[in-house]
N, C-alpha and C. Protein backbone atom coordinates (compact mmCIF):
# COMPACT_ATOMS: atom_id res chain seq x y z
N MET A 1 -51.68 -46.67 2.69
CA MET A 1 -50.73 -45.84 1.99
C MET A 1 -49.36 -45.97 2.68
N GLU A 2 -48.33 -46.22 1.87
CA GLU A 2 -46.98 -46.37 2.41
C GLU A 2 -46.39 -45.00 2.73
N PRO A 3 -45.55 -44.94 3.78
CA PRO A 3 -44.93 -43.65 4.11
C PRO A 3 -43.95 -43.22 3.02
N ILE A 4 -43.80 -41.93 2.89
CA ILE A 4 -42.86 -41.38 1.93
C ILE A 4 -41.45 -41.53 2.50
N VAL A 5 -40.58 -42.11 1.71
CA VAL A 5 -39.20 -42.30 2.13
C VAL A 5 -38.34 -41.27 1.40
N GLU A 6 -37.71 -40.41 2.20
CA GLU A 6 -36.87 -39.37 1.60
C GLU A 6 -35.59 -39.99 1.05
N SER A 7 -35.15 -39.46 -0.08
CA SER A 7 -33.93 -39.98 -0.69
C SER A 7 -32.68 -39.30 -0.13
N ARG A 8 -32.87 -38.20 0.59
CA ARG A 8 -31.74 -37.49 1.18
C ARG A 8 -32.21 -36.66 2.36
N LYS A 9 -31.24 -36.31 3.21
CA LYS A 9 -31.50 -35.45 4.37
C LYS A 9 -30.44 -34.35 4.39
N TYR A 10 -30.87 -33.17 4.74
CA TYR A 10 -29.95 -32.04 4.85
C TYR A 10 -28.95 -32.30 5.97
N LEU A 11 -27.67 -32.11 5.69
CA LEU A 11 -26.62 -32.27 6.69
C LEU A 11 -26.07 -30.93 7.14
N MET A 12 -25.67 -30.10 6.18
CA MET A 12 -25.10 -28.80 6.51
C MET A 12 -25.01 -27.91 5.28
N GLY A 13 -24.74 -26.65 5.50
CA GLY A 13 -24.52 -25.71 4.43
C GLY A 13 -23.34 -24.81 4.76
N CYS A 14 -22.72 -24.25 3.75
CA CYS A 14 -21.58 -23.35 3.98
C CYS A 14 -21.25 -22.59 2.69
N ASN A 15 -20.53 -21.50 2.87
CA ASN A 15 -19.96 -20.79 1.73
C ASN A 15 -18.74 -21.56 1.25
N ILE A 16 -18.36 -21.36 0.01
CA ILE A 16 -17.15 -21.99 -0.52
C ILE A 16 -15.95 -21.12 -0.15
N ALA A 17 -15.05 -21.70 0.65
CA ALA A 17 -13.85 -20.98 1.07
C ALA A 17 -12.84 -20.96 -0.08
N GLY A 18 -12.13 -19.87 -0.21
CA GLY A 18 -11.10 -19.76 -1.24
C GLY A 18 -11.65 -19.61 -2.64
N PHE A 19 -12.90 -19.21 -2.77
CA PHE A 19 -13.52 -19.09 -4.09
C PHE A 19 -12.74 -18.12 -4.98
N ALA A 20 -12.18 -17.08 -4.39
CA ALA A 20 -11.43 -16.09 -5.17
C ALA A 20 -10.15 -16.67 -5.77
N TYR A 21 -9.65 -17.77 -5.17
CA TYR A 21 -8.40 -18.36 -5.63
C TYR A 21 -8.62 -19.58 -6.51
N GLY A 22 -9.84 -20.06 -6.58
CA GLY A 22 -10.15 -21.23 -7.41
C GLY A 22 -10.50 -20.81 -8.82
N GLU A 23 -11.18 -21.69 -9.51
CA GLU A 23 -11.56 -21.47 -10.90
C GLU A 23 -13.03 -21.06 -11.04
N GLY A 24 -13.60 -20.60 -9.93
CA GLY A 24 -15.01 -20.22 -9.92
C GLY A 24 -15.35 -19.12 -10.90
N CYS A 25 -14.46 -18.16 -11.05
CA CYS A 25 -14.75 -17.05 -11.98
C CYS A 25 -14.85 -17.54 -13.42
N ILE A 26 -14.20 -18.65 -13.72
CA ILE A 26 -14.23 -19.20 -15.08
C ILE A 26 -15.59 -19.82 -15.38
N VAL A 27 -16.21 -20.43 -14.38
CA VAL A 27 -17.47 -21.16 -14.59
C VAL A 27 -18.68 -20.46 -13.97
N MET A 28 -18.50 -19.25 -13.45
CA MET A 28 -19.60 -18.55 -12.78
C MET A 28 -20.84 -18.43 -13.66
N ASP A 29 -20.66 -18.27 -14.96
CA ASP A 29 -21.81 -18.15 -15.87
C ASP A 29 -22.50 -19.49 -16.13
N GLU A 30 -21.83 -20.60 -15.81
CA GLU A 30 -22.40 -21.94 -16.04
C GLU A 30 -23.19 -22.46 -14.84
N ILE A 31 -22.80 -22.05 -13.65
CA ILE A 31 -23.44 -22.60 -12.46
C ILE A 31 -24.67 -21.78 -12.10
N LYS A 32 -25.61 -22.44 -11.44
CA LYS A 32 -26.84 -21.78 -10.99
C LYS A 32 -27.31 -22.50 -9.74
N VAL A 33 -28.31 -21.95 -9.11
CA VAL A 33 -28.89 -22.60 -7.93
C VAL A 33 -29.41 -23.97 -8.36
N GLY A 34 -29.02 -24.98 -7.62
CA GLY A 34 -29.42 -26.36 -7.94
C GLY A 34 -28.33 -27.15 -8.64
N THR A 35 -27.30 -26.49 -9.14
CA THR A 35 -26.20 -27.19 -9.81
C THR A 35 -25.52 -28.12 -8.82
N GLN A 36 -25.29 -29.35 -9.24
CA GLN A 36 -24.60 -30.32 -8.39
C GLN A 36 -23.09 -30.15 -8.55
N VAL A 37 -22.40 -30.20 -7.42
CA VAL A 37 -20.94 -30.14 -7.39
C VAL A 37 -20.43 -31.35 -6.62
N GLN A 38 -19.13 -31.62 -6.72
CA GLN A 38 -18.55 -32.80 -6.09
C GLN A 38 -17.53 -32.41 -5.04
N LEU A 39 -17.43 -33.26 -4.03
CA LEU A 39 -16.42 -33.09 -3.00
C LEU A 39 -15.27 -34.04 -3.28
N MET A 40 -14.05 -33.58 -3.04
CA MET A 40 -12.87 -34.40 -3.21
C MET A 40 -11.87 -34.08 -2.12
N ARG A 41 -11.40 -35.12 -1.42
CA ARG A 41 -10.38 -34.90 -0.39
C ARG A 41 -9.09 -34.40 -1.04
N ASP A 42 -8.46 -33.45 -0.39
CA ASP A 42 -7.18 -32.90 -0.84
C ASP A 42 -6.15 -33.26 0.22
N ASN A 43 -5.68 -34.50 0.20
CA ASN A 43 -4.77 -35.01 1.23
C ASN A 43 -3.41 -34.34 1.23
N TYR A 44 -3.08 -33.63 0.19
CA TYR A 44 -1.76 -33.00 0.08
C TYR A 44 -1.80 -31.50 0.33
N ASN A 45 -2.90 -31.01 0.86
CA ASN A 45 -3.04 -29.59 1.14
C ASN A 45 -2.13 -29.22 2.31
N LYS A 46 -1.18 -28.31 2.08
CA LYS A 46 -0.20 -27.98 3.12
C LYS A 46 -0.77 -27.07 4.20
N PHE A 47 -1.95 -26.49 3.96
CA PHE A 47 -2.56 -25.60 4.95
C PHE A 47 -3.57 -26.30 5.84
N ASP A 48 -4.16 -27.38 5.35
CA ASP A 48 -5.22 -28.06 6.11
C ASP A 48 -5.19 -29.55 5.80
N PRO A 49 -4.80 -30.39 6.76
CA PRO A 49 -4.74 -31.84 6.51
C PRO A 49 -6.10 -32.48 6.29
N LEU A 50 -7.18 -31.77 6.62
CA LEU A 50 -8.54 -32.29 6.42
C LEU A 50 -9.24 -31.61 5.24
N ALA A 51 -8.48 -30.98 4.37
CA ALA A 51 -9.03 -30.19 3.27
C ALA A 51 -9.92 -31.02 2.34
N ILE A 52 -11.04 -30.41 1.97
CA ILE A 52 -11.98 -31.02 1.01
C ILE A 52 -12.26 -29.98 -0.07
N ALA A 53 -11.83 -30.29 -1.27
CA ALA A 53 -12.04 -29.39 -2.41
C ALA A 53 -13.44 -29.60 -2.98
N ILE A 54 -13.96 -28.55 -3.59
CA ILE A 54 -15.28 -28.57 -4.22
C ILE A 54 -15.08 -28.35 -5.71
N TYR A 55 -15.61 -29.27 -6.51
CA TYR A 55 -15.43 -29.21 -7.97
C TYR A 55 -16.77 -29.11 -8.69
N TYR A 56 -16.76 -28.33 -9.75
CA TYR A 56 -17.83 -28.34 -10.74
C TYR A 56 -17.17 -28.82 -12.03
N LYS A 57 -17.58 -29.97 -12.50
CA LYS A 57 -16.92 -30.63 -13.64
C LYS A 57 -15.43 -30.75 -13.29
N ASN A 58 -14.54 -30.17 -14.10
CA ASN A 58 -13.10 -30.26 -13.82
C ASN A 58 -12.53 -28.99 -13.19
N SER A 59 -13.41 -28.09 -12.78
CA SER A 59 -12.97 -26.82 -12.21
C SER A 59 -13.08 -26.82 -10.70
N LYS A 60 -11.96 -26.55 -10.02
CA LYS A 60 -11.99 -26.45 -8.56
C LYS A 60 -12.53 -25.09 -8.18
N LEU A 61 -13.65 -25.09 -7.45
CA LEU A 61 -14.28 -23.85 -7.03
C LEU A 61 -13.67 -23.31 -5.74
N GLY A 62 -13.17 -24.18 -4.91
CA GLY A 62 -12.63 -23.78 -3.60
C GLY A 62 -12.71 -24.96 -2.65
N TYR A 63 -12.96 -24.66 -1.37
CA TYR A 63 -12.93 -25.68 -0.33
C TYR A 63 -14.08 -25.56 0.65
N ILE A 64 -14.35 -26.65 1.34
CA ILE A 64 -15.21 -26.61 2.52
C ILE A 64 -14.42 -25.82 3.57
N PRO A 65 -15.03 -24.86 4.26
CA PRO A 65 -14.28 -24.12 5.29
C PRO A 65 -13.68 -25.08 6.32
N HIS A 66 -12.47 -24.75 6.78
CA HIS A 66 -11.75 -25.66 7.67
C HIS A 66 -12.48 -25.93 8.98
N ASP A 67 -13.33 -25.01 9.42
CA ASP A 67 -14.07 -25.25 10.67
C ASP A 67 -15.29 -26.13 10.46
N LYS A 68 -15.53 -26.57 9.21
CA LYS A 68 -16.69 -27.42 8.92
C LYS A 68 -16.31 -28.74 8.25
N ASN A 69 -15.02 -29.02 8.07
CA ASN A 69 -14.65 -30.18 7.27
C ASN A 69 -14.29 -31.43 8.07
N ASN A 70 -14.25 -31.36 9.38
CA ASN A 70 -13.80 -32.48 10.20
C ASN A 70 -14.64 -33.74 9.99
N LEU A 71 -15.93 -33.65 10.16
CA LEU A 71 -16.81 -34.83 10.02
C LEU A 71 -16.84 -35.33 8.58
N LEU A 72 -16.91 -34.41 7.63
CA LEU A 72 -16.93 -34.81 6.22
C LEU A 72 -15.64 -35.55 5.85
N ALA A 73 -14.49 -35.04 6.31
CA ALA A 73 -13.21 -35.68 6.02
C ALA A 73 -13.15 -37.08 6.64
N LEU A 74 -13.71 -37.24 7.83
CA LEU A 74 -13.74 -38.55 8.48
C LEU A 74 -14.50 -39.56 7.61
N PHE A 75 -15.68 -39.19 7.16
CA PHE A 75 -16.46 -40.08 6.29
C PHE A 75 -15.72 -40.37 4.99
N MET A 76 -15.15 -39.34 4.39
CA MET A 76 -14.46 -39.53 3.12
C MET A 76 -13.21 -40.39 3.28
N ASP A 77 -12.50 -40.23 4.38
CA ASP A 77 -11.31 -41.04 4.64
C ASP A 77 -11.65 -42.51 4.86
N MET A 78 -12.89 -42.77 5.25
CA MET A 78 -13.35 -44.15 5.44
C MET A 78 -14.10 -44.66 4.21
N ASP A 79 -13.90 -44.00 3.07
CA ASP A 79 -14.46 -44.38 1.77
C ASP A 79 -15.98 -44.30 1.68
N TYR A 80 -16.55 -43.35 2.42
CA TYR A 80 -17.99 -43.08 2.29
C TYR A 80 -18.20 -41.86 1.40
N ASN A 81 -17.48 -41.79 0.30
CA ASN A 81 -17.53 -40.63 -0.60
C ASN A 81 -18.88 -40.48 -1.29
N ASP A 82 -19.55 -41.56 -1.55
CA ASP A 82 -20.78 -41.51 -2.35
C ASP A 82 -22.03 -41.25 -1.51
N ILE A 83 -21.89 -40.93 -0.24
CA ILE A 83 -23.08 -40.67 0.58
C ILE A 83 -23.51 -39.21 0.55
N PHE A 84 -22.71 -38.36 -0.08
CA PHE A 84 -23.03 -36.93 -0.11
C PHE A 84 -23.59 -36.49 -1.45
N GLU A 85 -24.58 -35.64 -1.37
CA GLU A 85 -25.07 -34.92 -2.54
C GLU A 85 -24.88 -33.45 -2.22
N VAL A 86 -24.19 -32.74 -3.10
CA VAL A 86 -23.84 -31.35 -2.83
C VAL A 86 -24.39 -30.48 -3.96
N ARG A 87 -25.14 -29.46 -3.58
CA ARG A 87 -25.77 -28.57 -4.56
C ARG A 87 -25.57 -27.12 -4.18
N ILE A 88 -25.43 -26.29 -5.20
CA ILE A 88 -25.37 -24.85 -4.98
C ILE A 88 -26.77 -24.39 -4.56
N SER A 89 -26.82 -23.66 -3.46
CA SER A 89 -28.13 -23.21 -2.99
C SER A 89 -28.30 -21.69 -3.02
N ARG A 90 -27.18 -20.97 -3.17
CA ARG A 90 -27.28 -19.52 -3.24
C ARG A 90 -26.10 -18.96 -4.02
N LEU A 91 -26.37 -18.02 -4.90
CA LEU A 91 -25.34 -17.32 -5.67
C LEU A 91 -25.52 -15.82 -5.49
N ASN A 92 -24.41 -15.14 -5.26
CA ASN A 92 -24.44 -13.69 -5.17
C ASN A 92 -23.14 -13.16 -5.78
N PRO A 93 -23.12 -12.99 -7.11
CA PRO A 93 -21.89 -12.57 -7.79
C PRO A 93 -21.35 -11.22 -7.34
N ASN A 94 -22.19 -10.39 -6.73
CA ASN A 94 -21.75 -9.06 -6.31
C ASN A 94 -21.18 -9.04 -4.90
N ALA A 95 -21.26 -10.15 -4.19
CA ALA A 95 -20.75 -10.22 -2.82
C ALA A 95 -19.24 -10.41 -2.83
N HIS A 96 -18.64 -10.30 -1.66
CA HIS A 96 -17.23 -10.63 -1.48
C HIS A 96 -17.03 -12.06 -1.97
N PRO A 97 -15.91 -12.38 -2.63
CA PRO A 97 -15.72 -13.73 -3.20
C PRO A 97 -15.96 -14.88 -2.21
N GLU A 98 -15.64 -14.68 -0.93
CA GLU A 98 -15.85 -15.74 0.06
C GLU A 98 -17.33 -15.95 0.38
N LYS A 99 -18.18 -15.08 -0.10
CA LYS A 99 -19.62 -15.17 0.17
C LYS A 99 -20.45 -15.30 -1.11
N GLN A 100 -19.80 -15.51 -2.25
CA GLN A 100 -20.52 -15.54 -3.52
C GLN A 100 -21.32 -16.82 -3.73
N VAL A 101 -20.80 -17.94 -3.27
CA VAL A 101 -21.45 -19.22 -3.54
C VAL A 101 -21.65 -19.99 -2.24
N TYR A 102 -22.89 -20.37 -1.99
CA TYR A 102 -23.26 -21.14 -0.79
C TYR A 102 -23.75 -22.51 -1.27
N ILE A 103 -23.31 -23.55 -0.59
CA ILE A 103 -23.72 -24.91 -0.96
C ILE A 103 -24.48 -25.58 0.19
N ASN A 104 -25.32 -26.52 -0.17
CA ASN A 104 -25.97 -27.40 0.79
C ASN A 104 -25.41 -28.80 0.59
N ILE A 105 -25.15 -29.48 1.69
CA ILE A 105 -24.65 -30.85 1.65
C ILE A 105 -25.72 -31.75 2.26
N TYR A 106 -26.09 -32.77 1.52
CA TYR A 106 -27.12 -33.72 1.95
C TYR A 106 -26.50 -35.10 2.11
N LEU A 107 -27.07 -35.88 3.01
CA LEU A 107 -26.74 -37.31 3.11
C LEU A 107 -27.73 -38.05 2.26
N LYS A 108 -27.23 -38.89 1.38
CA LYS A 108 -28.12 -39.69 0.52
C LYS A 108 -28.51 -40.97 1.25
N ARG A 109 -29.72 -41.42 1.00
CA ARG A 109 -30.20 -42.66 1.58
C ARG A 109 -29.43 -43.83 1.00
N ASN A 110 -29.08 -44.76 1.85
CA ASN A 110 -28.41 -45.98 1.44
C ASN A 110 -29.47 -46.93 0.88
N VAL A 111 -29.40 -47.20 -0.41
CA VAL A 111 -30.37 -48.09 -1.06
C VAL A 111 -29.73 -49.46 -1.17
N ARG A 112 -30.39 -50.45 -0.58
CA ARG A 112 -29.85 -51.83 -0.61
C ARG A 112 -30.68 -52.71 -1.49
């Protein structure tokens, strides 16, 4: 029997920073636990040169917290954008906006 090869590994998790200022309230009824979201570098962010925005479809939900974006920004700046799989892992609409949506970030296996 061949060993099971995982397609991804857990890297980290975090709340979405700035959720109250993004477009999250517009799409809150569409997202659920397991929904995939995308990371996008925000090179022109005047508050954080390593800023990484989080998008659901065309709606910006917020950002990776600045104390957690250093390694992710390094990979993304070196064009390793497609190695991440990002999914919503917890929703709490009644919590403070900075704690309403939690995401998990996985590293995807490199298939050659």
